[in-house]
Amino acid sequence: MLNIIASQLGVPTPVATTVTVDYLVVAGGGSGGGDVGGGGGAGGLRCTVTASGGSPGTVETALTLNLSTNYAISIGGGGAAQSSANGVNGSNTSFSTITSTGGGGGGAAATGLNGGSGGGGGNGNSGGTGTANQGFAGGNSGSLLGGGGGGAGVAGSASGGGSGGNGGDGVATSITGSSVTYGGGGGGCSNSGGGAGAGGTGGGGAGAGTAASATSGTVNTGGGGGGPRNSGYSSGAGGSGVVILRYPDTNTITIGAGLTGSTSGASGGYKRTTITAGAGNVSWV
């Protein structure tokens, strides 16, 4: 009504100069530790639509961004698989002012590494710590066992009873319009004849307890990789991260060079853009 009155009086209608953007920012997961290894920790998870990872797991605030302005995005890769060394931390994922921390690598007969979610300990060692509002700690391990990597939603399980610890579960978010889980921790190994730990829901890779390499985290979930039974086999690599953006369907995004992504059709008043790889800029009109 005010715009109609303004138009009738010859007053220019105000033109929007900003766009409100909800986000999911998930970092790359850590790889499992080699040689009686713990599972890799999930990448840190921050979100404005449902709870972020870790404690206290708050829902973050959407960003108000200027139109026709570039905002940087960088998608973190998962940590590389290992056979005898500690797992490798995943890389950070960032969007504008928001950064999620890469998941911690699992310990190779050593303490798990700290990260967005902590890596599980290996062969009698403790798990690494997670990051507040991003992910949980990795699980502790017993002799010849690996603890589960921490998940974005739950801590990794300690090993016990001859079995490796399970990876912690991730966080379910509906930013795409349907519920999808991201940020599962990797399962710990068993080199004592028991079962290996399962990967956490949300892309965590399973550990290994037989003559086989562990499973890698799922790409674009930030899942941690599983731990192998000994140095004769490979740990699982961490899964890469992802950025998902939700914004009003009256706006249009430009995905710049260096980024791989796609935009869904309008639904429920929103468009959603998923960035799966690379580094570059996005902007809106």
C-alpha atoms as a PDB file:
ATOM      1  CA  MET A   1       0.000   0.000   0.000  1.00  0.00           C
ATOM      2  CA  LEU A   2       2.818   2.439   0.857  1.00  0.00           C
ATOM      3  CA  ASN A   3       4.523   1.720  -2.467  1.00  0.00           C
ATOM      4  CA  ILE A   4       1.244   2.386  -4.327  1.00  0.00           C
ATOM      5  CA  ILE A   5       0.745   5.680  -2.475  1.00  0.00           C
ATOM      6  CA  ALA A   6       4.374   6.632  -3.077  1.00  0.00           C
ATOM      7  CA  SER A   7       3.983   5.874  -6.767  1.00  0.00           C
ATOM      8  CA  GLN A   8       0.830   7.987  -6.995  1.00  0.00           C
ATOM      9  CA  LEU A   9       2.642  10.903  -5.334  1.00  0.00           C
ATOM     10  CA  GLY A  10       5.575  10.576  -7.696  1.00  0.00           C
ATOM     11  CA  VAL A  11       7.941   9.346  -4.962  1.00  0.00           C
ATOM     12  CA  PRO A  12      10.418   6.674  -6.212  1.00  0.00           C
ATOM     13  CA  THR A  13       9.780   3.159  -4.869  1.00  0.00           C
ATOM     14  CA  PRO A  14      12.651   2.021  -2.606  1.00  0.00           C
ATOM     15  CA  VAL A  15      14.996  -0.462  -4.296  1.00  0.00           C
ATOM     16  CA  ALA A  16      16.454  -3.337  -2.281  1.00  0.00           C
ATOM     17  CA  THR A  17      20.222  -3.203  -1.843  1.00  0.00           C
ATOM     18  CA  THR A  18      20.759  -6.320   0.294  1.00  0.00           C
ATOM     19  CA  VAL A  19      19.871 -10.024   0.345  1.00  0.00           C
ATOM     20  CA  THR A  20      19.415 -12.276   3.391  1.00  0.00           C
ATOM     21  CA  VAL A  21      21.315 -15.573   2.998  1.00  0.00           C
ATOM     22  CA  ASP A  22      21.003 -18.688   5.145  1.00  0.00           C
ATOM     23  CA  TYR A  23      23.968 -21.049   5.014  1.00  0.00           C
ATOM     24  CA  LEU A  24      25.313 -24.508   5.737  1.00  0.00           C
ATOM     25  CA  VAL A  25      29.131 -24.519   5.854  1.00  0.00           C
ATOM     26  CA  VAL A  26      30.793 -27.922   6.331  1.00  0.00           C
ATOM     27  CA  ALA A  27      34.567 -28.404   6.410  1.00  0.00           C
ATOM     28  CA  GLY A  28      36.515 -31.378   5.085  1.00  0.00           C
ATOM     29  CA  GLY A  29      36.703 -34.465   7.300  1.00  0.00           C
ATOM     30  CA  GLY A  30      39.896 -35.879   8.777  1.00  0.00           C
ATOM     31  CA  SER A  31      41.351 -39.161   7.557  1.00  0.00           C
ATOM     32  CA  GLY A  32      41.669 -42.208   9.795  1.00  0.00           C
ATOM     33  CA  GLY A  33      44.967 -42.900  11.495  1.00  0.00           C
ATOM     34  CA  GLY A  34      47.161 -45.599   9.941  1.00  0.00           C
ATOM     35  CA  ASP A  35      48.509 -48.605  11.904  1.00  0.00           C
ATOM     36  CA  VAL A  36      45.888 -49.474  14.562  1.00  0.00           C
ATOM     37  CA  GLY A  37      44.156 -46.196  13.839  1.00  0.00           C
ATOM     38  CA  GLY A  38      41.292 -44.196  15.199  1.00  0.00           C
ATOM     39  CA  GLY A  39      38.598 -42.830  12.927  1.00  0.00           C
ATOM     40  CA  GLY A  40      38.902 -39.364  11.466  1.00  0.00           C
ATOM     41  CA  GLY A  41      36.806 -36.557  12.917  1.00  0.00           C
ATOM     42  CA  ALA A  42      34.080 -34.922  10.861  1.00  0.00           C
ATOM     43  CA  GLY A  43      34.529 -31.452   9.463  1.00  0.00           C
ATOM     44  CA  GLY A  44      33.091 -28.625  11.522  1.00  0.00           C
ATOM     45  CA  LEU A  45      29.468 -27.753  10.700  1.00  0.00           C
ATOM     46  CA  ARG A  46      27.834 -24.325  11.007  1.00  0.00           C
ATOM     47  CA  CYS A  47      24.220 -23.675   9.994  1.00  0.00           C
ATOM     48  CA  THR A  48      21.473 -21.049  10.236  1.00  0.00           C
ATOM     49  CA  VAL A  49      18.480 -23.297   9.483  1.00  0.00           C
ATOM     50  CA  THR A  50      18.939 -26.073  12.035  1.00  0.00           C
ATOM     51  CA  ALA A  51      21.451 -26.547  14.847  1.00  0.00           C
ATOM     52  CA  SER A  52      25.162 -26.217  14.197  1.00  0.00           C
ATOM     53  CA  GLY A  53      27.463 -29.030  15.310  1.00  0.00           C
ATOM     54  CA  GLY A  54      29.144 -29.454  18.668  1.00  0.00           C
ATOM     55  CA  SER A  55      28.143 -27.834  21.934  1.00  0.00           C
ATOM     56  CA  PRO A  56      26.045 -25.734  22.449  1.00  0.00           C
ATOM     57  CA  GLY A  57      24.866 -26.419  18.902  1.00  0.00           C
ATOM     58  CA  THR A  58      23.097 -23.101  18.417  1.00  0.00           C
ATOM     59  CA  VAL A  59      21.285 -22.019  15.267  1.00  0.00           C
ATOM     60  CA  GLU A  60      23.416 -19.264  13.767  1.00  0.00           C
ATOM     61  CA  THR A  61      22.222 -15.961  12.315  1.00  0.00           C
ATOM     62  CA  ALA A  62      21.650 -15.492   8.581  1.00  0.00           C
ATOM     63  CA  LEU A  63      23.938 -13.033   6.799  1.00  0.00           C
ATOM     64  CA  THR A  64      22.677  -9.769   5.321  1.00  0.00           C
ATOM     65  CA  LEU A  65      24.806  -9.213   2.224  1.00  0.00           C
ATOM     66  CA  ASN A  66      25.072  -6.385  -0.285  1.00  0.00           C
ATOM     67  CA  LEU A  67      23.837  -6.961  -3.811  1.00  0.00           C
ATOM     68  CA  SER A  68      26.319  -6.813  -6.721  1.00  0.00           C
ATOM     69  CA  THR A  69      29.180  -7.543  -4.298  1.00  0.00           C
ATOM     70  CA  ASN A  70      31.568 -10.502  -4.375  1.00  0.00           C
ATOM     71  CA  TYR A  71      31.695 -12.882  -1.403  1.00  0.00           C
ATOM     72  CA  ALA A  72      34.411 -15.526  -1.201  1.00  0.00           C
ATOM     73  CA  ILE A  73      33.801 -19.265  -0.885  1.00  0.00           C
ATOM     74  CA  SER A  74      36.423 -21.989  -0.410  1.00  0.00           C
ATOM     75  CA  ILE A  75      35.537 -25.690  -0.136  1.00  0.00           C
ATOM     76  CA  GLY A  76      37.814 -27.727   2.139  1.00  0.00           C
ATOM     77  CA  GLY A  77      39.127 -31.097   1.012  1.00  0.00           C
ATOM     78  CA  GLY A  78      39.247 -34.203   3.182  1.00  0.00           C
ATOM     79  CA  GLY A  79      42.461 -35.418   4.789  1.00  0.00           C
ATOM     80  CA  ALA A  80      44.548 -37.887   2.764  1.00  0.00           C
ATOM     81  CA  ALA A  81      44.524 -41.611   3.563  1.00  0.00           C
ATOM     82  CA  GLN A  82      47.447 -43.002   5.602  1.00  0.00           C
ATOM     83  CA  SER A  83      49.047 -46.410   6.205  1.00  0.00           C
ATOM     84  CA  SER A  84      51.365 -45.801   9.159  1.00  0.00           C
ATOM     85  CA  ALA A  85      51.165 -42.121  10.171  1.00  0.00           C
ATOM     86  CA  ASN A  86      48.509 -40.181  12.034  1.00  0.00           C
ATOM     87  CA  GLY A  87      45.493 -39.209   9.977  1.00  0.00           C
ATOM     88  CA  VAL A  88      45.526 -35.822   8.278  1.00  0.00           C
ATOM     89  CA  ASN A  89      43.186 -33.017   9.277  1.00  0.00           C
ATOM     90  CA  GLY A  90      40.608 -31.902   6.735  1.00  0.00           C
ATOM     91  CA  SER A  91      40.811 -28.395   5.326  1.00  0.00           C
ATOM     92  CA  ASN A  92      38.632 -25.483   6.418  1.00  0.00           C
ATOM     93  CA  THR A  93      35.567 -24.434   4.430  1.00  0.00           C
ATOM     94  CA  SER A  94      34.578 -20.769   4.358  1.00  0.00           C
ATOM     95  CA  PHE A  95      31.841 -18.482   3.070  1.00  0.00           C
ATOM     96  CA  SER A  96      32.074 -14.713   3.557  1.00  0.00           C
ATOM     97  CA  THR A  97      32.839 -14.243   7.296  1.00  0.00           C
ATOM     98  CA  ILE A  98      31.936 -17.834   8.246  1.00  0.00           C
ATOM     99  CA  THR A  99      34.640 -20.504   8.621  1.00  0.00           C
ATOM    100  CA  SER A 100      34.211 -24.153   9.623  1.00  0.00           C
ATOM    101  CA  THR A 101      37.295 -26.017  10.878  1.00  0.00           C
ATOM    102  CA  GLY A 102      38.583 -29.190   9.223  1.00  0.00           C
ATOM    103  CA  GLY A 103      38.060 -32.455  11.088  1.00  0.00           C
ATOM    104  CA  GLY A 104      40.896 -33.944  13.138  1.00  0.00           C
ATOM    105  CA  GLY A 105      42.865 -36.908  11.851  1.00  0.00           C
ATOM    106  CA  GLY A 106      42.663 -40.196  13.716  1.00  0.00           C
ATOM    107  CA  GLY A 107      45.622 -41.281  15.819  1.00  0.00           C
ATOM    108  CA  ALA A 108      47.968 -43.993  14.501  1.00  0.00           C
ATOM    109  CA  ALA A 109      48.703 -45.738  17.806  1.00  0.00           C
ATOM    110  CA  ALA A 110      48.596 -42.170  19.127  1.00  0.00           C
ATOM    111  CA  THR A 111      46.230 -39.490  20.407  1.00  0.00           C
ATOM    112  CA  GLY A 112      43.641 -38.302  17.896  1.00  0.00           C
ATOM    113  CA  LEU A 113      44.128 -34.857  16.436  1.00  0.00           C
ATOM    114  CA  ASN A 114      42.012 -31.867  17.386  1.00  0.00           C
ATOM    115  CA  GLY A 115      39.734 -30.307  14.759  1.00  0.00           C
ATOM    116  CA  GLY A 116      36.197 -29.302  13.888  1.00  0.00           C
ATOM    117  CA  SER A 117      35.390 -32.722  15.347  1.00  0.00           C
ATOM    118  CA  GLY A 118      38.209 -34.627  17.049  1.00  0.00           C
ATOM    119  CA  GLY A 119      39.905 -37.704  15.613  1.00  0.00           C
ATOM    120  CA  GLY A 120      39.628 -40.994  17.493  1.00  0.00           C
ATOM    121  CA  GLY A 121      42.601 -42.253  19.482  1.00  0.00           C
ATOM    122  CA  GLY A 122      44.581 -45.277  18.322  1.00  0.00           C
ATOM    123  CA  ASN A 123      45.948 -48.285  20.271  1.00  0.00           C
ATOM    124  CA  GLY A 124      45.343 -47.165  23.861  1.00  0.00           C
ATOM    125  CA  ASN A 125      45.280 -43.407  23.367  1.00  0.00           C
ATOM    126  CA  SER A 126      42.662 -40.698  23.831  1.00  0.00           C
ATOM    127  CA  GLY A 127      40.590 -38.936  21.206  1.00  0.00           C
ATOM    128  CA  GLY A 128      41.134 -35.387  20.016  1.00  0.00           C
ATOM    129  CA  THR A 129      38.883 -32.476  20.925  1.00  0.00           C
ATOM    130  CA  GLY A 130      36.237 -30.814  18.767  1.00  0.00           C
ATOM    131  CA  THR A 131      35.446 -27.132  18.268  1.00  0.00           C
ATOM    132  CA  ALA A 132      32.598 -25.367  20.072  1.00  0.00           C
ATOM    133  CA  ASN A 133      29.480 -25.004  17.907  1.00  0.00           C
ATOM    134  CA  GLN A 134      31.063 -27.125  15.158  1.00  0.00           C
ATOM    135  CA  GLY A 135      31.714 -30.709  16.318  1.00  0.00           C
ATOM    136  CA  PHE A 136      32.413 -33.174  19.121  1.00  0.00           C
ATOM    137  CA  ALA A 137      35.435 -35.045  20.460  1.00  0.00           C
ATOM    138  CA  GLY A 138      36.816 -38.335  19.200  1.00  0.00           C
ATOM    139  CA  GLY A 139      36.580 -41.519  21.250  1.00  0.00           C
ATOM    140  CA  ASN A 140      39.302 -43.083  23.380  1.00  0.00           C
ATOM    141  CA  SER A 141      40.856 -46.393  22.410  1.00  0.00           C
ATOM    142  CA  GLY A 142      42.013 -49.599  24.085  1.00  0.00           C
ATOM    143  CA  SER A 143      44.964 -51.801  23.194  1.00  0.00           C
ATOM    144  CA  LEU A 144      44.938 -52.886  19.518  1.00  0.00           C
ATOM    145  CA  LEU A 145      41.790 -50.842  18.929  1.00  0.00           C
ATOM    146  CA  GLY A 146      40.823 -47.439  17.520  1.00  0.00           C
ATOM    147  CA  GLY A 147      38.308 -44.981  18.917  1.00  0.00           C
ATOM    148  CA  GLY A 148      35.583 -43.520  16.731  1.00  0.00           C
ATOM    149  CA  GLY A 149      36.053 -40.095  15.196  1.00  0.00           C
ATOM    150  CA  GLY A 150      33.868 -37.330  16.554  1.00  0.00           C
ATOM    151  CA  GLY A 151      30.767 -36.336  14.618  1.00  0.00           C
ATOM    152  CA  ALA A 152      29.175 -32.942  14.202  1.00  0.00           C
ATOM    153  CA  GLY A 153      26.222 -34.133  16.294  1.00  0.00           C
ATOM    154  CA  VAL A 154      27.658 -36.750  18.695  1.00  0.00           C
ATOM    155  CA  ALA A 155      31.073 -37.626  20.150  1.00  0.00           C
ATOM    156  CA  GLY A 156      32.896 -40.638  18.769  1.00  0.00           C
ATOM    157  CA  SER A 157      32.493 -43.858  20.775  1.00  0.00           C
ATOM    158  CA  ALA A 158      35.311 -45.349  22.810  1.00  0.00           C
ATOM    159  CA  SER A 159      36.485 -48.760  21.695  1.00  0.00           C
ATOM    160  CA  GLY A 160      35.695 -51.718  23.908  1.00  0.00           C
ATOM    161  CA  GLY A 161      35.047 -55.442  24.064  1.00  0.00           C
ATOM    162  CA  GLY A 162      37.556 -56.094  21.314  1.00  0.00           C
ATOM    163  CA  SER A 163      35.733 -53.799  18.865  1.00  0.00           C
ATOM    164  CA  GLY A 164      36.644 -50.413  17.456  1.00  0.00           C
ATOM    165  CA  GLY A 165      34.610 -47.371  18.425  1.00  0.00           C
ATOM    166  CA  ASN A 166      31.809 -46.120  16.208  1.00  0.00           C
ATOM    167  CA  GLY A 167      32.064 -42.717  14.581  1.00  0.00           C
ATOM    168  CA  GLY A 168      29.819 -40.031  16.008  1.00  0.00           C
ATOM    169  CA  ASP A 169      26.675 -39.177  14.074  1.00  0.00           C
ATOM    170  CA  GLY A 170      26.319 -35.942  12.166  1.00  0.00           C
ATOM    171  CA  VAL A 171      23.663 -33.229  12.138  1.00  0.00           C
ATOM    172  CA  ALA A 172      20.498 -33.316  10.007  1.00  0.00           C
ATOM    173  CA  THR A 173      19.540 -30.062   8.326  1.00  0.00           C
ATOM    174  CA  SER A 174      16.656 -29.110   6.040  1.00  0.00           C
ATOM    175  CA  ILE A 175      18.336 -26.189   4.252  1.00  0.00           C
ATOM    176  CA  THR A 176      17.801 -27.917   0.883  1.00  0.00           C
ATOM    177  CA  GLY A 177      14.086 -28.353   1.588  1.00  0.00           C
ATOM    178  CA  SER A 178      14.461 -31.946   2.790  1.00  0.00           C
ATOM    179  CA  SER A 179      16.381 -33.371   5.733  1.00  0.00           C
ATOM    180  CA  VAL A 180      19.959 -34.460   4.927  1.00  0.00           C
ATOM    181  CA  THR A 181      22.649 -35.427   7.466  1.00  0.00           C
ATOM    182  CA  TYR A 182      26.230 -34.143   7.261  1.00  0.00           C
ATOM    183  CA  GLY A 183      29.356 -34.524   9.399  1.00  0.00           C
ATOM    184  CA  GLY A 184      29.593 -38.170  10.494  1.00  0.00           C
ATOM    185  CA  GLY A 185      32.798 -39.372  12.172  1.00  0.00           C
ATOM    186  CA  GLY A 186      34.919 -42.283  10.941  1.00  0.00           C
ATOM    187  CA  GLY A 187      34.890 -45.665  12.663  1.00  0.00           C
ATOM    188  CA  GLY A 188      37.888 -46.979  14.604  1.00  0.00           C
ATOM    189  CA  CYS A 189      39.796 -50.134  13.723  1.00  0.00           C
ATOM    190  CA  SER A 190      40.091 -53.483  15.468  1.00  0.00           C
ATOM    191  CA  ASN A 191      43.339 -55.457  15.347  1.00  0.00           C
ATOM    192  CA  SER A 192      42.299 -57.828  18.135  1.00  0.00           C
ATOM    193  CA  GLY A 193      39.883 -60.072  16.267  1.00  0.00           C
ATOM    194  CA  GLY A 194      36.757 -58.060  17.057  1.00  0.00           C
ATOM    195  CA  GLY A 195      34.610 -55.919  14.818  1.00  0.00           C
ATOM    196  CA  ALA A 196      35.613 -52.550  13.479  1.00  0.00           C
ATOM    197  CA  GLY A 197      33.660 -49.411  14.281  1.00  0.00           C
ATOM    198  CA  ALA A 198      30.895 -48.196  11.989  1.00  0.00           C
ATOM    199  CA  GLY A 199      30.996 -44.779  10.388  1.00  0.00           C
ATOM    200  CA  GLY A 200      28.637 -42.179  11.830  1.00  0.00           C
ATOM    201  CA  THR A 201      25.532 -41.167   9.899  1.00  0.00           C
ATOM    202  CA  GLY A 202      26.300 -38.235   7.665  1.00  0.00           C
ATOM    203  CA  GLY A 203      29.119 -39.663   5.563  1.00  0.00           C
ATOM    204  CA  GLY A 204      31.482 -41.245   8.102  1.00  0.00           C
ATOM    205  CA  GLY A 205      33.609 -44.123   6.757  1.00  0.00           C
ATOM    206  CA  ALA A 206      33.773 -47.484   8.529  1.00  0.00           C
ATOM    207  CA  GLY A 207      36.930 -48.749  10.196  1.00  0.00           C
ATOM    208  CA  ALA A 208      38.550 -52.063   9.263  1.00  0.00           C
ATOM    209  CA  GLY A 209      38.991 -55.191  11.379  1.00  0.00           C
ATOM    210  CA  THR A 210      39.916 -57.693   8.686  1.00  0.00           C
ATOM    211  CA  ALA A 211      42.393 -57.863   5.819  1.00  0.00           C
ATOM    212  CA  ALA A 212      41.037 -54.785   4.071  1.00  0.00           C
ATOM    213  CA  SER A 213      41.546 -51.058   3.975  1.00  0.00           C
ATOM    214  CA  ALA A 214      39.164 -48.766   5.834  1.00  0.00           C
ATOM    215  CA  THR A 215      36.364 -46.823   4.164  1.00  0.00           C
ATOM    216  CA  SER A 216      36.669 -43.178   3.179  1.00  0.00           C
ATOM    217  CA  GLY A 217      34.255 -40.452   4.222  1.00  0.00           C
ATOM    218  CA  THR A 218      31.616 -39.509   1.659  1.00  0.00           C
ATOM    219  CA  VAL A 219      32.401 -36.524  -0.572  1.00  0.00           C
ATOM    220  CA  ASN A 220      30.595 -33.251   0.192  1.00  0.00           C
ATOM    221  CA  THR A 221      29.488 -34.384   3.655  1.00  0.00           C
ATOM    222  CA  GLY A 222      32.611 -33.638   5.705  1.00  0.00           C
ATOM    223  CA  GLY A 223      32.603 -37.258   6.894  1.00  0.00           C
ATOM    224  CA  GLY A 224      35.691 -38.674   8.617  1.00  0.00           C
ATOM    225  CA  GLY A 225      37.601 -41.663   7.232  1.00  0.00           C
ATOM    226  CA  GLY A 226      37.847 -44.990   9.025  1.00  0.00           C
ATOM    227  CA  GLY A 227      40.932 -46.448  10.726  1.00  0.00           C
ATOM    228  CA  PRO A 228      42.768 -49.575   9.404  1.00  0.00           C
ATOM    229  CA  ARG A 229      43.812 -52.563  11.500  1.00  0.00           C
ATOM    230  CA  ASN A 230      47.565 -52.133  10.875  1.00  0.00           C
ATOM    231  CA  SER A 231      50.158 -50.504   8.638  1.00  0.00           C
ATOM    232  CA  GLY A 232      49.660 -53.092   5.912  1.00  0.00           C
ATOM    233  CA  TYR A 233      46.418 -51.393   4.952  1.00  0.00           C
ATOM    234  CA  SER A 234      45.204 -47.879   4.236  1.00  0.00           C
ATOM    235  CA  SER A 235      43.003 -45.679   6.363  1.00  0.00           C
ATOM    236  CA  GLY A 236      39.976 -43.994   4.829  1.00  0.00           C
ATOM    237  CA  ALA A 237      40.381 -40.493   3.459  1.00  0.00           C
ATOM    238  CA  GLY A 238      38.173 -37.719   4.784  1.00  0.00           C
ATOM    239  CA  GLY A 239      35.172 -36.537   2.784  1.00  0.00           C
ATOM    240  CA  SER A 240      35.262 -33.069   1.254  1.00  0.00           C
ATOM    241  CA  GLY A 241      33.144 -30.226   2.582  1.00  0.00           C
ATOM    242  CA  VAL A 242      30.257 -28.279   1.086  1.00  0.00           C
ATOM    243  CA  VAL A 243      28.505 -24.892   1.202  1.00  0.00           C
ATOM    244  CA  ILE A 244      24.738 -24.640   0.700  1.00  0.00           C
ATOM    245  CA  LEU A 245      23.102 -21.209   0.444  1.00  0.00           C
ATOM    246  CA  ARG A 246      19.373 -20.399   0.749  1.00  0.00           C
ATOM    247  CA  TYR A 247      17.999 -17.009  -0.285  1.00  0.00           C
ATOM    248  CA  PRO A 248      14.747 -15.415  -1.543  1.00  0.00           C
ATOM    249  CA  ASP A 249      13.568 -16.570  -4.956  1.00  0.00           C
ATOM    250  CA  THR A 250      13.386 -12.940  -6.098  1.00  0.00           C
ATOM    251  CA  ASN A 251      17.207 -12.849  -6.134  1.00  0.00           C
ATOM    252  CA  THR A 252      19.640 -14.399  -8.616  1.00  0.00           C
ATOM    253  CA  ILE A 253      23.119 -15.691  -7.778  1.00  0.00           C
ATOM    254  CA  THR A 254      26.226 -15.660  -9.967  1.00  0.00           C
ATOM    255  CA  ILE A 255      28.724 -18.462  -9.296  1.00  0.00           C
ATOM    256  CA  GLY A 256      32.176 -17.200 -10.191  1.00  0.00           C
ATOM    257  CA  ALA A 257      35.104 -18.891 -11.890  1.00  0.00           C
ATOM    258  CA  GLY A 258      36.908 -21.478  -9.791  1.00  0.00           C
ATOM    259  CA  LEU A 259      33.767 -22.802  -8.099  1.00  0.00           C
ATOM    260  CA  THR A 260      31.672 -25.864  -8.954  1.00  0.00           C
ATOM    261  CA  GLY A 261      28.034 -25.500  -8.025  1.00  0.00           C
ATOM    262  CA  SER A 262      24.402 -25.609  -9.036  1.00  0.00           C
ATOM    263  CA  THR A 263      21.175 -23.794  -8.177  1.00  0.00           C
ATOM    264  CA  SER A 264      17.780 -25.423  -7.683  1.00  0.00           C
ATOM    265  CA  GLY A 265      14.522 -24.025  -8.964  1.00  0.00           C
ATOM    266  CA  ALA A 266      12.453 -21.813  -6.698  1.00  0.00           C
ATOM    267  CA  SER A 267      10.533 -23.664  -3.975  1.00  0.00           C
ATOM    268  CA  GLY A 268       8.764 -22.392  -0.880  1.00  0.00           C
ATOM    269  CA  GLY A 269       9.880 -18.834  -1.556  1.00  0.00           C
ATOM    270  CA  TYR A 270      13.574 -19.733  -1.800  1.00  0.00           C
ATOM    271  CA  LYS A 271      16.323 -20.747  -4.195  1.00  0.00           C
ATOM    272  CA  ARG A 272      19.182 -22.966  -3.001  1.00  0.00           C
ATOM    273  CA  THR A 273      22.721 -23.028  -4.348  1.00  0.00           C
ATOM    274  CA  THR A 274      25.105 -25.891  -3.545  1.00  0.00           C
ATOM    275  CA  ILE A 275      28.859 -25.325  -3.957  1.00  0.00           C
ATOM    276  CA  THR A 276      30.766 -28.610  -4.025  1.00  0.00           C
ATOM    277  CA  ALA A 277      34.358 -27.729  -4.946  1.00  0.00           C
ATOM    278  CA  GLY A 278      36.866 -24.985  -5.566  1.00  0.00           C
ATOM    279  CA  ALA A 279      37.569 -21.444  -4.455  1.00  0.00           C
ATOM    280  CA  GLY A 280      36.087 -18.257  -5.879  1.00  0.00           C
ATOM    281  CA  ASN A 281      33.342 -15.681  -5.466  1.00  0.00           C
ATOM    282  CA  VAL A 282      29.553 -15.520  -5.544  1.00  0.00           C
ATOM    283  CA  SER A 283      27.329 -12.474  -5.853  1.00  0.00           C
ATOM    284  CA  TRP A 284      23.602 -11.675  -6.004  1.00  0.00           C
ATOM    285  CA  VAL A 285      21.314  -9.279  -7.839  1.00  0.00           C
END
